[in-house]
């Protein structure tokens, strides 16, 4: 198991706070364990019904976009979650 930090941005930060630390085996496991702390709504904000990353989310590990690529996690990794952002 890896101890990682999940950082949240924009509207997710407003709803759930800045970050949470969890020990997990996979990216999906990390999000499920974070939901135990942040609430089930967090899981719906990040994962789709099949347990994959929602199409409208950007997920990075240590600053690298990992869209549709499940990477092995290591202690100290930082997972960042970005919701869709619009502006003008």
Protein backbone atom coordinates (compact mmCIF):
# COMPACT_ATOMS: atom_id res chain seq x y z
CA UNK A 1 0.00 0.00 0.00
CA UNK A 2 1.12 3.52 -0.78
CA UNK A 3 0.46 6.58 1.35
CA UNK A 4 -0.61 9.36 -1.05
CA UNK A 5 -2.16 12.81 -0.91
CA UNK A 6 -5.18 13.69 -3.03
CA UNK A 7 -5.38 17.41 -3.80
CA UNK A 8 -8.62 18.95 -4.99
CA UNK A 9 -9.09 22.06 -7.10
CA UNK A 10 -11.79 24.58 -8.07
CA UNK A 11 -15.34 23.50 -7.17
CA UNK A 12 -14.13 20.24 -5.64
CA UNK A 13 -11.96 22.17 -3.21
CA UNK A 14 -14.96 24.33 -2.28
CA UNK A 15 -17.07 21.23 -1.55
CA UNK A 16 -14.54 18.90 0.08
CA UNK A 17 -11.51 20.91 1.15
CA UNK A 18 -7.96 21.21 -0.10
CA UNK A 19 -6.60 17.67 0.31
CA UNK A 20 -6.83 14.31 2.03
CA UNK A 21 -4.20 11.63 2.70
CA UNK A 22 -4.99 7.94 2.26
CA UNK A 23 -3.23 4.59 2.07
CA UNK A 24 -4.28 2.68 -1.04
CA UNK A 25 -3.36 0.05 -3.63
CA UNK A 26 -4.80 1.63 -6.80
CA UNK A 27 -6.21 4.90 -8.01
CA UNK A 28 -9.78 3.66 -7.63
CA UNK A 29 -8.95 2.41 -4.12
CA UNK A 30 -7.56 5.86 -3.27
CA UNK A 31 -10.77 7.56 -4.33
CA UNK A 32 -12.93 5.06 -2.46
CA UNK A 33 -10.91 5.54 0.73
CA UNK A 34 -11.04 9.32 0.32
CA UNK A 35 -14.84 9.03 0.03
CA UNK A 36 -14.90 7.41 3.49
CA UNK A 37 -13.47 10.68 4.82
CA UNK A 38 -15.09 13.18 2.44
CA UNK A 39 -18.45 11.49 1.87
CA UNK A 40 -20.02 9.43 -0.91
CA UNK A 41 -20.66 12.53 -3.01
CA UNK A 42 -16.90 12.77 -3.59
CA UNK A 43 -16.89 9.38 -5.29
CA UNK A 44 -19.67 10.44 -7.65
CA UNK A 45 -17.67 13.57 -8.49
CA UNK A 46 -14.62 11.54 -9.57
CA UNK A 47 -15.66 8.07 -10.80
CA UNK A 48 -18.27 7.03 -13.34
CA UNK A 49 -20.79 4.22 -12.80
CA UNK A 50 -18.29 1.56 -13.95
CA UNK A 51 -15.58 2.75 -11.53
CA UNK A 52 -13.50 4.54 -14.17
CA UNK A 53 -12.44 8.17 -14.09
CA UNK A 54 -15.21 10.48 -15.26
CA UNK A 55 -14.58 11.84 -18.77
CA UNK A 56 -14.90 15.43 -17.60
CA UNK A 57 -12.18 15.14 -14.91
CA UNK A 58 -8.45 15.65 -15.22
CA UNK A 59 -6.38 13.47 -12.91
CA UNK A 60 -2.63 13.90 -12.48
CA UNK A 61 -0.08 11.99 -10.45
CA UNK A 62 2.93 14.10 -9.54
CA UNK A 63 1.93 16.62 -12.22
CA UNK A 64 1.52 14.14 -15.10
CA UNK A 65 -1.89 13.61 -16.68
CA UNK A 66 -2.84 9.95 -16.34
CA UNK A 67 -6.16 9.94 -18.20
CA UNK A 68 -7.26 6.33 -18.81
CA UNK A 69 -3.91 5.04 -17.54
CA UNK A 70 -3.89 3.30 -14.19
CA UNK A 71 -0.41 3.75 -12.79
CA UNK A 72 1.24 1.99 -9.89
CA UNK A 73 1.29 4.28 -6.86
CA UNK A 74 4.26 4.93 -4.61
CA UNK A 75 4.57 6.46 -1.14
CA UNK A 76 4.49 10.23 -1.33
CA UNK A 77 2.67 10.47 -4.68
CA UNK A 78 0.37 13.45 -5.09
CA UNK A 79 -2.86 12.85 -6.99
CA UNK A 80 -4.54 16.03 -8.23
CA UNK A 81 -8.19 16.14 -9.31
CA UNK A 82 -9.46 18.94 -11.54
CA UNK A 83 -13.15 19.36 -12.44
CA UNK A 84 -14.17 21.09 -15.66
CA UNK A 85 -13.38 24.79 -15.42
CA UNK A 86 -14.99 27.49 -17.52
CA UNK A 87 -14.27 31.14 -17.54
CA UNK A 88 -14.51 34.24 -19.52
